[in-house]
Amino acid sequence: AQICKCLANELKTHHTFNNFRTLFLNKCKSAYD
């Protein structure tokens, strides 16, 4: 969770990787389902 938070904060202005948190949470949801 700390890695997810760190990357989401550091890459929030990156035009390709700024949705890291959203995509990671979507990955979690697929397993949660």
PDB file of all heavy atoms in Angstrom:
ATOM      1  N   ALA A   1       0.829  -1.209   0.000  1.00  0.00           N
ATOM      2  CA  ALA A   1       0.000   0.000   0.000  1.00  0.00           C
ATOM      3  C   ALA A   1       0.864   1.260   0.000  1.00  0.00           C
ATOM      4  O   ALA A   1       0.534   2.248  -0.663  1.00  0.00           O
ATOM      5  CB  ALA A   1      -0.927  -0.005   1.221  1.00  0.00           C
ATOM      6  N   GLN A   2       1.981   1.231   0.724  1.00  0.00           N
ATOM      7  CA  GLN A   2       2.875   2.384   0.753  1.00  0.00           C
ATOM      8  C   GLN A   2       3.516   2.621  -0.615  1.00  0.00           C
ATOM      9  O   GLN A   2       3.709   3.768  -1.035  1.00  0.00           O
ATOM     10  CB  GLN A   2       3.959   2.178   1.815  1.00  0.00           C
ATOM     11  CG  GLN A   2       3.449   2.199   3.245  1.00  0.00           C
ATOM     12  CD  GLN A   2       2.922   3.556   3.666  1.00  0.00           C
ATOM     13  OE1 GLN A   2       3.352   4.594   3.163  1.00  0.00           O
ATOM     14  NE2 GLN A   2       1.975   3.561   4.584  1.00  0.00           N
ATOM     15  N   ILE A   3       3.865   1.543  -1.316  1.00  0.00           N
ATOM     16  CA  ILE A   3       4.430   1.678  -2.660  1.00  0.00           C
ATOM     17  C   ILE A   3       3.396   2.301  -3.603  1.00  0.00           C
ATOM     18  O   ILE A   3       3.709   3.203  -4.397  1.00  0.00           O
ATOM     19  CB  ILE A   3       4.898   0.320  -3.201  1.00  0.00           C
ATOM     20  CG1 ILE A   3       6.119  -0.166  -2.411  1.00  0.00           C
ATOM     21  CG2 ILE A   3       5.243   0.403  -4.691  1.00  0.00           C
ATOM     22  CD1 ILE A   3       6.564  -1.572  -2.777  1.00  0.00           C
ATOM     23  N   CYS A   4       2.157   1.823  -3.513  1.00  0.00           N
ATOM     24  CA  CYS A   4       1.089   2.384  -4.342  1.00  0.00           C
ATOM     25  C   CYS A   4       0.932   3.874  -4.077  1.00  0.00           C
ATOM     26  O   CYS A   4       0.847   4.688  -5.008  1.00  0.00           O
ATOM     27  CB  CYS A   4      -0.224   1.648  -4.069  1.00  0.00           C
ATOM     28  SG  CYS A   4      -1.644   2.323  -4.972  1.00  0.00           S
ATOM     29  N   LYS A   5       0.897   4.251  -2.809  1.00  0.00           N
ATOM     30  CA  LYS A   5       0.748   5.665  -2.447  1.00  0.00           C
ATOM     31  C   LYS A   5       1.921   6.496  -2.959  1.00  0.00           C
ATOM     32  O   LYS A   5       1.733   7.586  -3.517  1.00  0.00           O
ATOM     33  CB  LYS A   5       0.631   5.790  -0.929  1.00  0.00           C
ATOM     34  CG  LYS A   5       0.528   7.222  -0.440  1.00  0.00           C
ATOM     35  CD  LYS A   5       0.487   7.282   1.076  1.00  0.00           C
ATOM     36  CE  LYS A   5       0.452   8.724   1.567  1.00  0.00           C
ATOM     37  NZ  LYS A   5       0.422   8.799   3.058  1.00  0.00           N
ATOM     38  N   CYS A   6       3.132   5.970  -2.775  1.00  0.00           N
ATOM     39  CA  CYS A   6       4.337   6.699  -3.187  1.00  0.00           C
ATOM     40  C   CYS A   6       4.354   6.933  -4.697  1.00  0.00           C
ATOM     41  O   CYS A   6       4.585   8.054  -5.164  1.00  0.00           O
ATOM     42  CB  CYS A   6       5.578   5.929  -2.749  1.00  0.00           C
ATOM     43  SG  CYS A   6       7.143   6.698  -3.234  1.00  0.00           S
ATOM     44  N   LEU A   7       4.096   5.887  -5.472  1.00  0.00           N
ATOM     45  CA  LEU A   7       4.123   6.020  -6.930  1.00  0.00           C
ATOM     46  C   LEU A   7       3.002   6.922  -7.424  1.00  0.00           C
ATOM     47  O   LEU A   7       3.192   7.702  -8.366  1.00  0.00           O
ATOM     48  CB  LEU A   7       4.024   4.635  -7.577  1.00  0.00           C
ATOM     49  CG  LEU A   7       5.248   3.728  -7.402  1.00  0.00           C
ATOM     50  CD1 LEU A   7       5.018   2.392  -8.090  1.00  0.00           C
ATOM     51  CD2 LEU A   7       6.513   4.394  -7.944  1.00  0.00           C
ATOM     52  N   ALA A   8       1.821   6.814  -6.797  1.00  0.00           N
ATOM     53  CA  ALA A   8       0.707   7.667  -7.203  1.00  0.00           C
ATOM     54  C   ALA A   8       1.048   9.143  -6.992  1.00  0.00           C
ATOM     55  O   ALA A   8       0.740   9.989  -7.834  1.00  0.00           O
ATOM     56  CB  ALA A   8      -0.551   7.287  -6.423  1.00  0.00           C
ATOM     57  N   ASN A   9       1.709   9.450  -5.884  1.00  0.00           N
ATOM     58  CA  ASN A   9       2.076  10.841  -5.604  1.00  0.00           C
ATOM     59  C   ASN A   9       3.185  11.324  -6.528  1.00  0.00           C
ATOM     60  O   ASN A   9       3.139  12.449  -7.042  1.00  0.00           O
ATOM     61  CB  ASN A   9       2.519  10.978  -4.146  1.00  0.00           C
ATOM     62  CG  ASN A   9       1.363  10.836  -3.171  1.00  0.00           C
ATOM     63  OD1 ASN A   9       0.204  11.030  -3.536  1.00  0.00           O
ATOM     64  ND2 ASN A   9       1.669  10.503  -1.931  1.00  0.00           N
ATOM     65  N   GLU A  10       4.189  10.488  -6.747  1.00  0.00           N
ATOM     66  CA  GLU A  10       5.349  10.895  -7.537  1.00  0.00           C
ATOM     67  C   GLU A  10       5.038  11.007  -9.026  1.00  0.00           C
ATOM     68  O   GLU A  10       5.672  11.775  -9.747  1.00  0.00           O
ATOM     69  CB  GLU A  10       6.498   9.912  -7.322  1.00  0.00           C
ATOM     70  CG  GLU A  10       7.125   9.974  -5.942  1.00  0.00           C
ATOM     71  CD  GLU A  10       7.790  11.308  -5.674  1.00  0.00           C
ATOM     72  OE1 GLU A  10       8.404  11.859  -6.605  1.00  0.00           O
ATOM     73  OE2 GLU A  10       7.683  11.808  -4.539  1.00  0.00           O
ATOM     74  N   LEU A  11       4.063  10.229  -9.498  1.00  0.00           N
ATOM     75  CA  LEU A  11       3.780  10.177 -10.939  1.00  0.00           C
ATOM     76  C   LEU A  11       2.488  10.900 -11.318  1.00  0.00           C
ATOM     77  O   LEU A  11       2.016  10.765 -12.447  1.00  0.00           O
ATOM     78  CB  LEU A  11       3.694   8.710 -11.393  1.00  0.00           C
ATOM     79  CG  LEU A  11       4.959   7.876 -11.189  1.00  0.00           C
ATOM     80  CD1 LEU A  11       4.699   6.418 -11.554  1.00  0.00           C
ATOM     81  CD2 LEU A  11       6.120   8.429 -12.006  1.00  0.00           C
ATOM     82  N   LYS A  12       1.935  11.684 -10.392  1.00  0.00           N
ATOM     83  CA  LYS A  12       0.628  12.292 -10.658  1.00  0.00           C
ATOM     84  C   LYS A  12       0.666  13.327 -11.790  1.00  0.00           C
ATOM     85  O   LYS A  12      -0.376  13.642 -12.374  1.00  0.00           O
ATOM     86  CB  LYS A  12       0.079  12.929  -9.379  1.00  0.00           C
ATOM     87  CG  LYS A  12       0.940  14.008  -8.782  1.00  0.00           C
ATOM     88  CD  LYS A  12       0.356  14.475  -7.452  1.00  0.00           C
ATOM     89  CE  LYS A  12       1.262  15.499  -6.782  1.00  0.00           C
ATOM     90  NZ  LYS A  12       0.710  15.894  -5.460  1.00  0.00           N
ATOM     91  N   THR A  13       1.855  13.837 -12.113  1.00  0.00           N
ATOM     92  CA  THR A  13       1.952  14.795 -13.223  1.00  0.00           C
ATOM     93  C   THR A  13       2.498  14.151 -14.498  1.00  0.00           C
ATOM     94  O   THR A  13       2.660  14.832 -15.505  1.00  0.00           O
ATOM     95  CB  THR A  13       2.862  15.976 -12.821  1.00  0.00           C
ATOM     96  OG1 THR A  13       4.165  15.486 -12.483  1.00  0.00           O
ATOM     97  CG2 THR A  13       2.285  16.725 -11.626  1.00  0.00           C
ATOM     98  N   HIS A  14       2.774  12.855 -14.439  1.00  0.00           N
ATOM     99  CA  HIS A  14       3.274  12.141 -15.622  1.00  0.00           C
ATOM    100  C   HIS A  14       2.099  11.844 -16.547  1.00  0.00           C
ATOM    101  O   HIS A  14       1.110  11.250 -16.133  1.00  0.00           O
ATOM    102  CB  HIS A  14       3.955  10.853 -15.186  1.00  0.00           C
ATOM    103  CG  HIS A  14       4.793  10.206 -16.246  1.00  0.00           C
ATOM    104  ND1 HIS A  14       4.244   9.620 -17.368  1.00  0.00           N
ATOM    105  CD2 HIS A  14       6.144  10.049 -16.357  1.00  0.00           C
ATOM    106  CE1 HIS A  14       5.219   9.123 -18.120  1.00  0.00           C
ATOM    107  NE2 HIS A  14       6.377   9.371 -17.530  1.00  0.00           N
ATOM    108  N   HIS A  15       2.209  12.252 -17.803  1.00  0.00           N
ATOM    109  CA  HIS A  15       1.052  12.148 -18.697  1.00  0.00           C
ATOM    110  C   HIS A  15       0.691  10.710 -19.046  1.00  0.00           C
ATOM    111  O   HIS A  15      -0.414  10.447 -19.526  1.00  0.00           O
ATOM    112  CB  HIS A  15       1.294  12.962 -19.979  1.00  0.00           C
ATOM    113  CG  HIS A  15       2.431  12.470 -20.815  1.00  0.00           C
ATOM    114  ND1 HIS A  15       3.744  12.749 -20.515  1.00  0.00           N
ATOM    115  CD2 HIS A  15       2.450  11.704 -21.940  1.00  0.00           C
ATOM    116  CE1 HIS A  15       4.533  12.188 -21.427  1.00  0.00           C
ATOM    117  NE2 HIS A  15       3.780  11.550 -22.297  1.00  0.00           N
ATOM    118  N   THR A  16       1.600   9.751 -18.810  1.00  0.00           N
ATOM    119  CA  THR A  16       1.288   8.348 -19.091  1.00  0.00           C
ATOM    120  C   THR A  16       0.980   7.578 -17.816  1.00  0.00           C
ATOM    121  O   THR A  16       0.059   6.759 -17.782  1.00  0.00           O
ATOM    122  CB  THR A  16       2.460   7.666 -19.812  1.00  0.00           C
ATOM    123  OG1 THR A  16       2.752   8.379 -21.017  1.00  0.00           O
ATOM    124  CG2 THR A  16       2.117   6.214 -20.148  1.00  0.00           C
ATOM    125  N   PHE A  17       1.718   7.835 -16.753  1.00  0.00           N
ATOM    126  CA  PHE A  17       1.615   7.029 -15.532  1.00  0.00           C
ATOM    127  C   PHE A  17       0.819   7.710 -14.427  1.00  0.00           C
ATOM    128  O   PHE A  17       0.817   7.242 -13.288  1.00  0.00           O
ATOM    129  CB  PHE A  17       3.014   6.699 -15.011  1.00  0.00           C
ATOM    130  CG  PHE A  17       3.874   5.974 -16.010  1.00  0.00           C
ATOM    131  CD1 PHE A  17       5.240   6.186 -16.058  1.00  0.00           C
ATOM    132  CD2 PHE A  17       3.314   5.079 -16.910  1.00  0.00           C
ATOM    133  CE1 PHE A  17       6.038   5.512 -16.980  1.00  0.00           C
ATOM    134  CE2 PHE A  17       4.089   4.405 -17.836  1.00  0.00           C
ATOM    135  CZ  PHE A  17       5.458   4.622 -17.880  1.00  0.00           C
ATOM    136  N   ASN A  18       0.129   8.810 -14.729  1.00  0.00           N
ATOM    137  CA  ASN A  18      -0.584   9.532 -13.672  1.00  0.00           C
ATOM    138  C   ASN A  18      -1.816   8.795 -13.154  1.00  0.00           C
ATOM    139  O   ASN A  18      -2.397   9.184 -12.146  1.00  0.00           O
ATOM    140  CB  ASN A  18      -0.987  10.941 -14.145  1.00  0.00           C
ATOM    141  CG  ASN A  18      -1.849  10.891 -15.395  1.00  0.00           C
ATOM    142  OD1 ASN A  18      -2.184   9.820 -15.892  1.00  0.00           O
ATOM    143  ND2 ASN A  18      -2.185  12.061 -15.923  1.00  0.00           N
ATOM    144  N   ASN A  19      -2.217   7.727 -13.823  1.00  0.00           N
ATOM    145  CA  ASN A  19      -3.370   6.945 -13.359  1.00  0.00           C
ATOM    146  C   ASN A  19      -2.922   5.628 -12.721  1.00  0.00           C
ATOM    147  O   ASN A  19      -3.669   4.644 -12.720  1.00  0.00           O
ATOM    148  CB  ASN A  19      -4.339   6.683 -14.507  1.00  0.00           C
ATOM    149  CG  ASN A  19      -3.695   5.905 -15.646  1.00  0.00           C
ATOM    150  OD1 ASN A  19      -2.461   5.805 -15.712  1.00  0.00           O
ATOM    151  ND2 ASN A  19      -4.511   5.356 -16.528  1.00  0.00           N
ATOM    152  N   PHE A  20      -1.714   5.609 -12.190  1.00  0.00           N
ATOM    153  CA  PHE A  20      -1.196   4.380 -11.571  1.00  0.00           C
ATOM    154  C   PHE A  20      -2.136   3.877 -10.483  1.00  0.00           C
ATOM    155  O   PHE A  20      -2.463   2.694 -10.428  1.00  0.00           O
ATOM    156  CB  PHE A  20       0.201   4.631 -10.980  1.00  0.00           C
ATOM    157  CG  PHE A  20       0.783   3.425 -10.299  1.00  0.00           C
ATOM    158  CD1 PHE A  20       1.559   2.523 -11.005  1.00  0.00           C
ATOM    159  CD2 PHE A  20       0.548   3.176  -8.951  1.00  0.00           C
ATOM    160  CE1 PHE A  20       2.093   1.403 -10.388  1.00  0.00           C
ATOM    161  CE2 PHE A  20       1.076   2.057  -8.324  1.00  0.00           C
ATOM    162  CZ  PHE A  20       1.843   1.169  -9.042  1.00  0.00           C
ATOM    163  N   ARG A  21      -2.568   4.770  -9.607  1.00  0.00           N
ATOM    164  CA  ARG A  21      -3.424   4.348  -8.491  1.00  0.00           C
ATOM    165  C   ARG A  21      -4.735   3.752  -8.983  1.00  0.00           C
ATOM    166  O   ARG A  21      -5.179   2.707  -8.483  1.00  0.00           O
ATOM    167  CB  ARG A  21      -3.704   5.527  -7.554  1.00  0.00           C
ATOM    168  CG  ARG A  21      -4.479   5.128  -6.307  1.00  0.00           C
ATOM    169  CD  ARG A  21      -4.661   6.295  -5.360  1.00  0.00           C
ATOM    170  NE  ARG A  21      -5.699   7.198  -5.813  1.00  0.00           N
ATOM    171  CZ  ARG A  21      -6.109   8.257  -5.111  1.00  0.00           C
ATOM    172  NH1 ARG A  21      -5.533   8.540  -3.947  1.00  0.00           N
ATOM    173  NH2 ARG A  21      -7.060   9.037  -5.560  1.00  0.00           N
ATOM    174  N   THR A  22      -5.356   4.392  -9.960  1.00  0.00           N
ATOM    175  CA  THR A  22      -6.634   3.903 -10.487  1.00  0.00           C
ATOM    176  C   THR A  22      -6.485   2.512 -11.087  1.00  0.00           C
ATOM    177  O   THR A  22      -7.297   1.613 -10.833  1.00  0.00           O
ATOM    178  CB  THR A  22      -7.181   4.874 -11.545  1.00  0.00           C
ATOM    179  OG1 THR A  22      -7.386   6.152 -10.945  1.00  0.00           O
ATOM    180  CG2 THR A  22      -8.490   4.362 -12.125  1.00  0.00           C
ATOM    181  N   LEU A  23      -5.437   2.311 -11.881  1.00  0.00           N
ATOM    182  CA  LEU A  23      -5.231   1.011 -12.518  1.00  0.00           C
ATOM    183  C   LEU A  23      -4.887  -0.065 -11.486  1.00  0.00           C
ATOM    184  O   LEU A  23      -5.321  -1.215 -11.614  1.00  0.00           O
ATOM    185  CB  LEU A  23      -4.128   1.113 -13.564  1.00  0.00           C
ATOM    186  CG  LEU A  23      -4.450   1.998 -14.778  1.00  0.00           C
ATOM    187  CD1 LEU A  23      -3.257   2.064 -15.726  1.00  0.00           C
ATOM    188  CD2 LEU A  23      -5.686   1.491 -15.515  1.00  0.00           C
ATOM    189  N   PHE A  24      -4.130   0.313 -10.462  1.00  0.00           N
ATOM    190  CA  PHE A  24      -3.802  -0.667  -9.424  1.00  0.00           C
ATOM    191  C   PHE A  24      -5.057  -1.055  -8.632  1.00  0.00           C
ATOM    192  O   PHE A  24      -5.275  -2.240  -8.328  1.00  0.00           O
ATOM    193  CB  PHE A  24      -2.743  -0.109  -8.478  1.00  0.00           C
ATOM    194  CG  PHE A  24      -2.296  -1.096  -7.441  1.00  0.00           C
ATOM    195  CD1 PHE A  24      -1.479  -2.170  -7.788  1.00  0.00           C
ATOM    196  CD2 PHE A  24      -2.702  -0.961  -6.125  1.00  0.00           C
ATOM    197  CE1 PHE A  24      -1.083  -3.097  -6.829  1.00  0.00           C
ATOM    198  CE2 PHE A  24      -2.301  -1.875  -5.167  1.00  0.00           C
ATOM    199  CZ  PHE A  24      -1.492  -2.945  -5.515  1.00  0.00           C
ATOM    200  N   LEU A  25      -5.902  -0.087  -8.325  1.00  0.00           N
ATOM    201  CA  LEU A  25      -7.149  -0.393  -7.620  1.00  0.00           C
ATOM    202  C   LEU A  25      -8.081  -1.238  -8.484  1.00  0.00           C
ATOM    203  O   LEU A  25      -8.809  -2.102  -7.969  1.00  0.00           O
ATOM    204  CB  LEU A  25      -7.839   0.900  -7.188  1.00  0.00           C
ATOM    205  CG  LEU A  25      -7.141   1.674  -6.060  1.00  0.00           C
ATOM    206  CD1 LEU A  25      -7.818   3.027  -5.842  1.00  0.00           C
ATOM    207  CD2 LEU A  25      -7.143   0.868  -4.770  1.00  0.00           C
ATOM    208  N   ASN A  26      -8.078  -0.990  -9.792  1.00  0.00           N
ATOM    209  CA  ASN A  26      -8.877  -1.830 -10.687  1.00  0.00           C
ATOM    210  C   ASN A  26      -8.386  -3.277 -10.668  1.00  0.00           C
ATOM    211  O   ASN A  26      -9.180  -4.220 -10.737  1.00  0.00           O
ATOM    212  CB  ASN A  26      -8.829  -1.283 -12.114  1.00  0.00           C
ATOM    213  CG  ASN A  26      -9.681  -0.043 -12.289  1.00  0.00           C
ATOM    214  OD1 ASN A  26     -10.560   0.247 -11.470  1.00  0.00           O
ATOM    215  ND2 ASN A  26      -9.419   0.723 -13.333  1.00  0.00           N
ATOM    216  N   LYS A  27      -7.074  -3.447 -10.585  1.00  0.00           N
ATOM    217  CA  LYS A  27      -6.494  -4.791 -10.481  1.00  0.00           C
ATOM    218  C   LYS A  27      -6.960  -5.469  -9.196  1.00  0.00           C
ATOM    219  O   LYS A  27      -7.316  -6.662  -9.191  1.00  0.00           O
ATOM    220  CB  LYS A  27      -4.972  -4.685 -10.503  1.00  0.00           C
ATOM    221  CG  LYS A  27      -4.249  -6.016 -10.539  1.00  0.00           C
ATOM    222  CD  LYS A  27      -4.210  -6.594 -11.920  1.00  0.00           C
ATOM    223  CE  LYS A  27      -3.344  -7.836 -11.982  1.00  0.00           C
ATOM    224  NZ  LYS A  27      -3.286  -8.424 -13.334  1.00  0.00           N
ATOM    225  N   CYS A  28      -6.975  -4.721  -8.115  1.00  0.00           N
ATOM    226  CA  CYS A  28      -7.459  -5.260  -6.847  1.00  0.00           C
ATOM    227  C   CYS A  28      -8.941  -5.633  -6.936  1.00  0.00           C
ATOM    228  O   CYS A  28      -9.368  -6.660  -6.389  1.00  0.00           O
ATOM    229  CB  CYS A  28      -7.256  -4.249  -5.729  1.00  0.00           C
ATOM    230  SG  CYS A  28      -5.529  -3.896  -5.338  1.00  0.00           S
ATOM    231  N   LYS A  29      -9.724  -4.807  -7.621  1.00  0.00           N
ATOM    232  CA  LYS A  29     -11.159  -5.076  -7.730  1.00  0.00           C
ATOM    233  C   LYS A  29     -11.429  -6.345  -8.520  1.00  0.00           C
ATOM    234  O   LYS A  29     -12.367  -7.101  -8.200  1.00  0.00           O
ATOM    235  CB  LYS A  29     -11.880  -3.896  -8.377  1.00  0.00           C
ATOM    236  CG  LYS A  29     -13.403  -4.082  -8.419  1.00  0.00           C
ATOM    237  CD  LYS A  29     -14.088  -2.931  -9.097  1.00  0.00           C
ATOM    238  CE  LYS A  29     -15.610  -3.118  -9.045  1.00  0.00           C
ATOM    239  NZ  LYS A  29     -16.071  -4.399  -9.644  1.00  0.00           N
ATOM    240  N   SER A  30     -10.632  -6.598  -9.549  1.00  0.00           N
ATOM    241  CA  SER A  30     -10.828  -7.820 -10.335  1.00  0.00           C
ATOM    242  C   SER A  30     -10.685  -9.055  -9.455  1.00  0.00           C
ATOM    243  O   SER A  30     -11.451 -10.019  -9.568  1.00  0.00           O
ATOM    244  CB  SER A  30      -9.827  -7.869 -11.487  1.00  0.00           C
ATOM    245  OG  SER A  30     -10.038  -6.808 -12.389  1.00  0.00           O
ATOM    246  N   ALA A  31      -9.699  -9.038  -8.562  1.00  0.00           N
ATOM    247  CA  ALA A  31      -9.524 -10.154  -7.630  1.00  0.00           C
ATOM    248  C   ALA A  31     -10.626 -10.157  -6.576  1.00  0.00           C
ATOM    249  O   ALA A  31     -11.147 -11.213  -6.209  1.00  0.00           O
ATOM    250  CB  ALA A  31      -8.151 -10.068  -6.972  1.00  0.00           C
ATOM    251  N   TYR A  32     -10.990  -8.999  -6.091  1.00  0.00           N
ATOM    252  CA  TYR A  32     -12.058  -8.861  -5.098  1.00  0.00           C
ATOM    253  C   TYR A  32     -13.370  -9.449  -5.613  1.00  0.00           C
ATOM    254  O   TYR A  32     -14.129 -10.077  -4.860  1.00  0.00           O
ATOM    255  CB  TYR A  32     -12.208  -7.382  -4.745  1.00  0.00           C
ATOM    256  CG  TYR A  32     -13.518  -6.976  -4.136  1.00  0.00           C
ATOM    257  CD1 TYR A  32     -13.747  -7.107  -2.767  1.00  0.00           C
ATOM    258  CD2 TYR A  32     -14.528  -6.429  -4.933  1.00  0.00           C
ATOM    259  CE1 TYR A  32     -14.954  -6.717  -2.208  1.00  0.00           C
ATOM    260  CE2 TYR A  32     -15.730  -6.030  -4.386  1.00  0.00           C
ATOM    261  CZ  TYR A  32     -15.946  -6.172  -3.020  1.00  0.00           C
ATOM    262  OH  TYR A  32     -17.143  -5.785  -2.477  1.00  0.00           O
ATOM    263  N   ASP A  33     -13.646  -9.283  -6.895  1.00  0.00           N
ATOM    264  CA  ASP A  33     -14.875  -9.828  -7.486  1.00  0.00           C
ATOM    265  C   ASP A  33     -14.903 -11.354  -7.463  1.00  0.00           C
ATOM    266  O   ASP A  33     -15.977 -11.955  -7.613  1.00  0.00           O
ATOM    267  CB  ASP A  33     -15.030  -9.328  -8.927  1.00  0.00           C
ATOM    268  CG  ASP A  33     -15.383  -7.844  -8.986  1.00  0.00           C
ATOM    269  OD1 ASP A  33     -15.870  -7.314  -7.969  1.00  0.00           O
ATOM    270  OD2 ASP A  33     -15.151  -7.219 -10.041  1.00  0.00           O
TER     271      ASP A  33
END
